[in-house]
Amino acid sequence: MEIARVLGWYRIPLKTAPKIINVDFIAFYQTADFGINHKSCIEKYAEVRGVELTTRNELFKEEPDHPRASEEYYKIQLGPLLTLSNPISTDNWKRFLFFYTTGEKFFAAKKIRDLSVTGFERNVLWNSLRERSEGFVPEQVEVKNVDPNLLFLLGNLSLSNLDFSG
């Protein structure tokens, strides 16, 4: 969180990145590492201002011998960190990495489950995300003549053990 606050960027390993990263905002789920009063919730979010593909070594030049130094990462350029007036909490912890929601749901949510997009609204969201991703290629990657369906399948939306019912 300190890197996002001070340097204005966030990193996501390419191998665990969501399918589509061309989004307007990113919100940050806080684990127990944030302390008793700030754990298991979303308090901070930021506008996404750009995305580039780079290596961990480029992000952290002072760690050239890191075991993942040569791995690829998305560097997400951010606007200032903003604080929600009412944090979004979890009631039952379920591990997740990334998922998509709408601004309307995000600003009205009290619990993580409130972020779930279902029914017709889900189709609208996914169609919007797909349209945004068409032709989107991070700055340092050159992709030519690749089937868009293959590019879509190469992504990795990581939702794990989420149960928004009940």
C-alpha atoms as a PDB file:
ATOM      1  CA  MET A   1       0.000   0.000   0.000  1.00  0.00           C
ATOM      2  CA  GLU A   2       2.926   2.311   0.722  1.00  0.00           C
ATOM      3  CA  ILE A   3       4.220   1.941  -2.851  1.00  0.00           C
ATOM      4  CA  ALA A   4       0.770   2.868  -4.181  1.00  0.00           C
ATOM      5  CA  ARG A   5       0.539   5.849  -1.810  1.00  0.00           C
ATOM      6  CA  VAL A   6       4.054   7.231  -2.252  1.00  0.00           C
ATOM      7  CA  LEU A   7       5.136   6.134  -5.741  1.00  0.00           C
ATOM      8  CA  GLY A   8       1.714   5.964  -7.395  1.00  0.00           C
ATOM      9  CA  TRP A   9       1.832   2.452  -8.799  1.00  0.00           C
ATOM     10  CA  TYR A  10       0.828  -1.128  -7.991  1.00  0.00           C
ATOM     11  CA  ARG A  11       2.243  -4.367  -9.355  1.00  0.00           C
ATOM     12  CA  ILE A  12       0.515  -7.563 -10.398  1.00  0.00           C
ATOM     13  CA  PRO A  13       2.469 -10.645 -11.515  1.00  0.00           C
ATOM     14  CA  LEU A  14       1.539 -11.454 -15.102  1.00  0.00           C
ATOM     15  CA  LYS A  15       0.919 -15.096 -14.179  1.00  0.00           C
ATOM     16  CA  THR A  16      -1.802 -14.176 -11.648  1.00  0.00           C
ATOM     17  CA  ALA A  17      -3.195 -11.041 -13.324  1.00  0.00           C
ATOM     18  CA  PRO A  18      -6.893 -10.816 -14.157  1.00  0.00           C
ATOM     19  CA  LYS A  19      -7.996 -11.315 -17.758  1.00  0.00           C
ATOM     20  CA  ILE A  20      -8.673  -7.646 -18.341  1.00  0.00           C
ATOM     21  CA  ILE A  21      -6.695  -4.900 -16.624  1.00  0.00           C
ATOM     22  CA  ASN A  22      -7.962  -1.962 -18.650  1.00  0.00           C
ATOM     23  CA  VAL A  23     -10.261  -0.680 -15.873  1.00  0.00           C
ATOM     24  CA  ASP A  24     -11.060   2.750 -14.416  1.00  0.00           C
ATOM     25  CA  PHE A  25     -10.344   2.039 -10.747  1.00  0.00           C
ATOM     26  CA  ILE A  26      -8.673  -0.532  -8.533  1.00  0.00           C
ATOM     27  CA  ALA A  27      -9.603  -1.172  -4.907  1.00  0.00           C
ATOM     28  CA  PHE A  28      -7.334  -2.722  -2.299  1.00  0.00           C
ATOM     29  CA  TYR A  29      -8.394  -5.507   0.036  1.00  0.00           C
ATOM     30  CA  GLN A  30      -6.531  -5.273   3.341  1.00  0.00           C
ATOM     31  CA  THR A  31      -5.371  -8.426   5.112  1.00  0.00           C
ATOM     32  CA  ALA A  32      -4.588  -8.953   8.799  1.00  0.00           C
ATOM     33  CA  ASP A  33      -1.203  -7.292   8.161  1.00  0.00           C
ATOM     34  CA  PHE A  34      -3.025  -3.943   8.298  1.00  0.00           C
ATOM     35  CA  GLY A  35      -3.868  -4.367  11.972  1.00  0.00           C
ATOM     36  CA  ILE A  36      -6.980  -5.187  13.932  1.00  0.00           C
ATOM     37  CA  ASN A  37      -8.873  -1.997  12.984  1.00  0.00           C
ATOM     38  CA  HIS A  38      -8.128  -2.214   9.253  1.00  0.00           C
ATOM     39  CA  LYS A  39      -8.034  -5.934   8.444  1.00  0.00           C
ATOM     40  CA  SER A  40     -10.445  -7.865   6.236  1.00  0.00           C
ATOM     41  CA  CYS A  41     -11.864  -4.867   4.424  1.00  0.00           C
ATOM     42  CA  ILE A  42     -11.527  -2.473   1.527  1.00  0.00           C
ATOM     43  CA  GLU A  43     -10.797   1.083   2.619  1.00  0.00           C
ATOM     44  CA  LYS A  44      -8.655   2.427  -0.232  1.00  0.00           C
ATOM     45  CA  TYR A  45      -9.048   2.695  -3.980  1.00  0.00           C
ATOM     46  CA  ALA A  46      -7.405   4.631  -6.795  1.00  0.00           C
ATOM     47  CA  GLU A  47      -7.955   5.648 -10.390  1.00  0.00           C
ATOM     48  CA  VAL A  48      -6.001   3.562 -12.912  1.00  0.00           C
ATOM     49  CA  ARG A  49      -4.056   5.951 -15.155  1.00  0.00           C
ATOM     50  CA  GLY A  50      -2.006   3.504 -17.180  1.00  0.00           C
ATOM     51  CA  VAL A  51      -0.625  -0.004 -17.486  1.00  0.00           C
ATOM     52  CA  GLU A  52       2.712  -1.301 -18.691  1.00  0.00           C
ATOM     53  CA  LEU A  53       4.352  -4.702 -18.760  1.00  0.00           C
ATOM     54  CA  THR A  54       7.782  -4.870 -17.166  1.00  0.00           C
ATOM     55  CA  THR A  55       9.931  -7.164 -15.034  1.00  0.00           C
ATOM     56  CA  ARG A  56      10.269  -7.270 -11.279  1.00  0.00           C
ATOM     57  CA  ASN A  57      13.904  -6.299 -11.723  1.00  0.00           C
ATOM     58  CA  GLU A  58      12.851  -3.050 -13.439  1.00  0.00           C
ATOM     59  CA  LEU A  59      10.437  -2.302 -10.605  1.00  0.00           C
ATOM     60  CA  PHE A  60      12.940  -3.049  -7.843  1.00  0.00           C
ATOM     61  CA  LYS A  61      16.407  -2.357  -9.212  1.00  0.00           C
ATOM     62  CA  GLU A  62      17.883  -2.702  -5.718  1.00  0.00           C
ATOM     63  CA  GLU A  63      16.899  -6.418  -5.679  1.00  0.00           C
ATOM     64  CA  PRO A  64      18.709  -7.822  -8.764  1.00  0.00           C
ATOM     65  CA  ASP A  65      19.173 -11.259  -7.193  1.00  0.00           C
ATOM     66  CA  HIS A  66      15.538 -11.735  -6.164  1.00  0.00           C
ATOM     67  CA  PRO A  67      14.263 -15.208  -7.216  1.00  0.00           C
ATOM     68  CA  ARG A  68      11.513 -13.588  -9.332  1.00  0.00           C
ATOM     69  CA  ALA A  69      13.653 -10.726 -10.698  1.00  0.00           C
ATOM     70  CA  SER A  70      13.136 -11.767 -14.325  1.00  0.00           C
ATOM     71  CA  GLU A  71       9.397 -12.482 -14.035  1.00  0.00           C
ATOM     72  CA  GLU A  72       6.952 -10.202 -15.841  1.00  0.00           C
ATOM     73  CA  TYR A  73       4.650  -7.874 -13.942  1.00  0.00           C
ATOM     74  CA  TYR A  74       1.996  -5.380 -14.838  1.00  0.00           C
ATOM     75  CA  LYS A  75       2.836  -1.980 -13.419  1.00  0.00           C
ATOM     76  CA  ILE A  76      -0.449  -0.178 -12.828  1.00  0.00           C
ATOM     77  CA  GLN A  77      -0.022   3.612 -12.742  1.00  0.00           C
ATOM     78  CA  LEU A  78      -2.386   5.107 -10.155  1.00  0.00           C
ATOM     79  CA  GLY A  79      -3.910   8.400  -9.198  1.00  0.00           C
ATOM     80  CA  PRO A  80      -3.923   9.358  -5.506  1.00  0.00           C
ATOM     81  CA  LEU A  81      -5.178   6.771  -3.022  1.00  0.00           C
ATOM     82  CA  LEU A  82      -8.714   7.632  -1.969  1.00  0.00           C
ATOM     83  CA  THR A  83     -10.494   6.474   1.185  1.00  0.00           C
ATOM     84  CA  LEU A  84     -14.022   5.098   1.244  1.00  0.00           C
ATOM     85  CA  SER A  85     -16.265   6.864   3.737  1.00  0.00           C
ATOM     86  CA  ASN A  86     -17.678   3.447   4.720  1.00  0.00           C
ATOM     87  CA  PRO A  87     -15.175   0.554   4.391  1.00  0.00           C
ATOM     88  CA  ILE A  88     -16.382  -2.646   2.726  1.00  0.00           C
ATOM     89  CA  SER A  89     -15.894  -5.594   5.083  1.00  0.00           C
ATOM     90  CA  THR A  90     -16.097  -9.356   4.865  1.00  0.00           C
ATOM     91  CA  ASP A  91     -18.338 -11.440   7.036  1.00  0.00           C
ATOM     92  CA  ASN A  92     -16.857 -14.842   6.157  1.00  0.00           C
ATOM     93  CA  TRP A  93     -13.349 -14.739   4.716  1.00  0.00           C
ATOM     94  CA  LYS A  94     -13.116 -16.284   1.281  1.00  0.00           C
ATOM     95  CA  ARG A  95      -9.821 -16.014  -0.550  1.00  0.00           C
ATOM     96  CA  PHE A  96      -9.859 -14.107  -3.836  1.00  0.00           C
ATOM     97  CA  LEU A  97      -7.303 -12.312  -5.956  1.00  0.00           C
ATOM     98  CA  PHE A  98      -9.266 -10.165  -8.397  1.00  0.00           C
ATOM     99  CA  PHE A  99     -12.832  -9.618  -9.451  1.00  0.00           C
ATOM    100  CA  TYR A 100     -14.808  -6.977 -11.289  1.00  0.00           C
ATOM    101  CA  THR A 101     -17.742  -4.883 -10.122  1.00  0.00           C
ATOM    102  CA  THR A 102     -19.470  -1.637 -11.028  1.00  0.00           C
ATOM    103  CA  GLY A 103     -18.932   1.794  -9.511  1.00  0.00           C
ATOM    104  CA  GLU A 104     -22.539   1.853  -8.336  1.00  0.00           C
ATOM    105  CA  LYS A 105     -22.113  -1.413  -6.426  1.00  0.00           C
ATOM    106  CA  PHE A 106     -18.686  -0.405  -5.106  1.00  0.00           C
ATOM    107  CA  PHE A 107     -19.849   2.850  -3.530  1.00  0.00           C
ATOM    108  CA  ALA A 108     -23.041   1.289  -2.083  1.00  0.00           C
ATOM    109  CA  ALA A 109     -21.451  -1.935  -0.731  1.00  0.00           C
ATOM    110  CA  LYS A 110     -21.224  -2.712   2.971  1.00  0.00           C
ATOM    111  CA  LYS A 111     -19.899  -6.292   2.551  1.00  0.00           C
ATOM    112  CA  ILE A 112     -17.732  -7.905  -0.131  1.00  0.00           C
ATOM    113  CA  ARG A 113     -20.735  -9.990  -1.220  1.00  0.00           C
ATOM    114  CA  ASP A 114     -22.513  -6.731  -2.170  1.00  0.00           C
ATOM    115  CA  LEU A 115     -19.971  -6.288  -4.990  1.00  0.00           C
ATOM    116  CA  SER A 116     -21.275  -9.310  -6.888  1.00  0.00           C
ATOM    117  CA  VAL A 117     -22.661  -8.494 -10.329  1.00  0.00           C
ATOM    118  CA  THR A 118     -25.373 -10.901 -11.493  1.00  0.00           C
ATOM    119  CA  GLY A 119     -28.010 -11.358 -14.165  1.00  0.00           C
ATOM    120  CA  PHE A 120     -28.366  -8.848 -16.980  1.00  0.00           C
ATOM    121  CA  GLU A 121     -25.983  -6.420 -15.257  1.00  0.00           C
ATOM    122  CA  ARG A 122     -23.232  -9.071 -15.355  1.00  0.00           C
ATOM    123  CA  ASN A 123     -23.622  -9.423 -19.129  1.00  0.00           C
ATOM    124  CA  VAL A 124     -23.418  -5.654 -19.563  1.00  0.00           C
ATOM    125  CA  LEU A 125     -20.268  -5.515 -17.391  1.00  0.00           C
ATOM    126  CA  TRP A 126     -18.512  -8.347 -19.261  1.00  0.00           C
ATOM    127  CA  ASN A 127     -19.411  -6.918 -22.667  1.00  0.00           C
ATOM    128  CA  SER A 128     -18.030  -3.551 -21.581  1.00  0.00           C
ATOM    129  CA  LEU A 129     -14.803  -5.143 -20.310  1.00  0.00           C
ATOM    130  CA  ARG A 130     -14.371  -7.146 -23.525  1.00  0.00           C
ATOM    131  CA  GLU A 131     -14.862  -4.034 -25.654  1.00  0.00           C
ATOM    132  CA  ARG A 132     -12.227  -2.206 -23.607  1.00  0.00           C
ATOM    133  CA  SER A 133      -9.772  -5.083 -23.950  1.00  0.00           C
ATOM    134  CA  GLU A 134     -10.014  -5.346 -27.734  1.00  0.00           C
ATOM    135  CA  GLY A 135      -6.813  -3.989 -29.122  1.00  0.00           C
ATOM    136  CA  PHE A 136      -5.453  -3.204 -25.636  1.00  0.00           C
ATOM    137  CA  VAL A 137      -1.807  -4.168 -25.449  1.00  0.00           C
ATOM    138  CA  PRO A 138       0.519  -2.983 -22.644  1.00  0.00           C
ATOM    139  CA  GLU A 139       3.183  -0.510 -23.794  1.00  0.00           C
ATOM    140  CA  GLN A 140       6.144  -2.889 -23.853  1.00  0.00           C
ATOM    141  CA  VAL A 141       4.439  -5.828 -25.563  1.00  0.00           C
ATOM    142  CA  GLU A 142       4.140  -6.194 -29.306  1.00  0.00           C
ATOM    143  CA  VAL A 143       1.472  -8.630 -30.457  1.00  0.00           C
ATOM    144  CA  LYS A 144       0.663  -8.986 -34.142  1.00  0.00           C
ATOM    145  CA  ASN A 145      -1.863 -11.145 -35.939  1.00  0.00           C
ATOM    146  CA  VAL A 146      -3.051 -13.004 -32.845  1.00  0.00           C
ATOM    147  CA  ASP A 147      -6.621 -14.257 -32.669  1.00  0.00           C
ATOM    148  CA  PRO A 148      -8.509 -12.067 -30.105  1.00  0.00           C
ATOM    149  CA  ASN A 149     -10.149 -15.218 -28.694  1.00  0.00           C
ATOM    150  CA  LEU A 150      -6.713 -16.636 -27.915  1.00  0.00           C
ATOM    151  CA  LEU A 151      -5.668 -13.405 -26.186  1.00  0.00           C
ATOM    152  CA  PHE A 152      -8.834 -13.563 -24.096  1.00  0.00           C
ATOM    153  CA  LEU A 153      -8.158 -17.188 -23.097  1.00  0.00           C
ATOM    154  CA  LEU A 154      -4.582 -16.368 -22.099  1.00  0.00           C
ATOM    155  CA  GLY A 155      -5.853 -14.167 -19.287  1.00  0.00           C
ATOM    156  CA  ASN A 156      -6.443 -15.507 -15.789  1.00  0.00           C
ATOM    157  CA  LEU A 157      -9.388 -14.144 -13.821  1.00  0.00           C
ATOM    158  CA  SER A 158      -8.648 -15.461 -10.378  1.00  0.00           C
ATOM    159  CA  LEU A 159     -11.726 -15.950  -8.265  1.00  0.00           C
ATOM    160  CA  SER A 160     -11.304 -18.665  -5.745  1.00  0.00           C
ATOM    161  CA  ASN A 161     -13.925 -20.153  -3.427  1.00  0.00           C
ATOM    162  CA  LEU A 162     -16.228 -17.167  -3.656  1.00  0.00           C
ATOM    163  CA  ASP A 163     -19.818 -17.858  -2.684  1.00  0.00           C
ATOM    164  CA  PHE A 164     -22.038 -14.810  -3.028  1.00  0.00           C
ATOM    165  CA  SER A 165     -25.273 -16.701  -2.484  1.00  0.00           C
ATOM    166  CA  GLY A 166     -26.947 -16.424   0.861  1.00  0.00           C
END
